[in-house]
Protein backbone atom coordinates (compact mmCIF):
# COMPACT_ATOMS: atom_id res chain seq x y z
CA UNK A 1 -0.14 -0.03 0.02
CA UNK A 2 1.57 3.42 -0.57
CA UNK A 3 2.02 5.86 1.95
CA UNK A 4 3.14 8.41 -0.82
CA UNK A 5 5.70 9.56 1.36
CA UNK A 6 9.91 8.84 0.71
CA UNK A 7 10.69 9.23 4.38
CA UNK A 8 11.42 6.29 6.09
CA UNK A 9 8.59 5.11 8.52
CA UNK A 10 9.82 3.80 11.94
CA UNK A 11 6.49 3.23 13.95
CA UNK A 12 2.64 2.12 13.71
CA UNK A 13 -0.06 2.20 15.94
CA UNK A 14 -4.01 2.13 15.43
CA UNK A 15 -7.05 2.02 17.72
CA UNK A 16 -8.85 0.24 14.60
CA UNK A 17 -8.32 -0.61 10.60
CA UNK A 18 -9.76 3.12 10.08
CA UNK A 19 -7.78 4.91 13.12
CA UNK A 20 -3.94 4.02 12.18
CA UNK A 21 -1.14 6.33 12.52
CA UNK A 22 2.54 6.11 11.06
CA UNK A 23 5.82 8.05 12.36
CA UNK A 24 9.23 8.58 10.65
CA UNK A 25 12.20 10.55 9.61
CA UNK A 26 12.11 14.41 9.22
CA UNK A 27 8.86 14.27 11.76
CA UNK A 28 6.85 12.43 9.31
CA UNK A 29 3.20 11.90 10.53
CA UNK A 30 0.85 9.78 8.47
CA UNK A 31 -2.82 8.87 9.30
CA UNK A 32 -5.05 6.07 7.74
CA UNK A 33 -8.37 6.61 7.83
CA UNK A 34 -9.51 2.84 6.29
CA UNK A 35 -9.09 3.77 2.72
CA UNK A 36 -5.99 6.26 2.16
CA UNK A 37 -3.05 7.72 3.89
CA UNK A 38 -2.73 11.27 4.78
CA UNK A 39 0.16 13.66 6.09
CA UNK A 40 -0.36 15.28 9.41
CA UNK A 41 1.62 18.09 10.53
CA UNK A 42 3.97 17.64 13.53
CA UNK A 43 6.00 21.08 13.95
CA UNK A 44 9.06 19.18 14.02
CA UNK A 45 11.71 17.90 11.93
CA UNK A 46 13.24 15.10 14.28
CA UNK A 47 12.76 11.76 13.46
CA UNK A 48 9.73 9.84 15.47
CA UNK A 49 10.55 6.25 16.24
CA UNK A 50 7.32 5.40 17.89
CA UNK A 51 3.49 6.09 18.37
CA UNK A 52 0.97 4.98 20.84
CA UNK A 53 -2.07 5.79 22.02
CA UNK A 54 -5.50 4.70 24.16
CA UNK A 55 -7.61 6.02 21.46
CA UNK A 56 -7.53 7.94 18.20
CA UNK A 57 -8.26 11.26 20.41
CA UNK A 58 -5.18 10.26 22.72
CA UNK A 59 -2.02 9.62 20.73
CA UNK A 60 1.53 10.09 21.34
CA UNK A 61 4.59 10.28 19.20
CA UNK A 62 8.37 10.07 20.58
CA UNK A 63 11.62 10.79 18.96
CA UNK A 64 14.80 12.35 20.26
CA UNK A 65 13.98 14.53 22.99
CA UNK A 66 10.43 15.16 21.70
CA UNK A 67 6.93 13.45 22.77
CA UNK A 68 3.91 14.85 21.02
CA UNK A 69 0.30 14.35 21.92
CA UNK A 70 -2.73 14.27 19.24
CA UNK A 71 -6.27 15.36 21.28
CA UNK A 72 -8.19 14.36 17.99
CA UNK A 73 -7.78 17.56 15.82
CA UNK A 74 -3.97 18.77 16.50
CA UNK A 75 -0.59 17.88 17.42
CA UNK A 76 1.33 19.94 20.06
């Protein structure tokens, strides 16, 4: 399945088959809604190596000294 990114991806997590996040080089965060991937803004260029959450509205991505949180609408 094509994600339309040329960056290396390191981590993936999903709360369901239509709520999946992938992270990687250059601060890449992708979101899969069950039919296609879309890029999300992380506001960082640091490589992200892991992603995990308790729901689609409570997701964390980590890399280097950064811990990012997604609240269902934005990463901070």
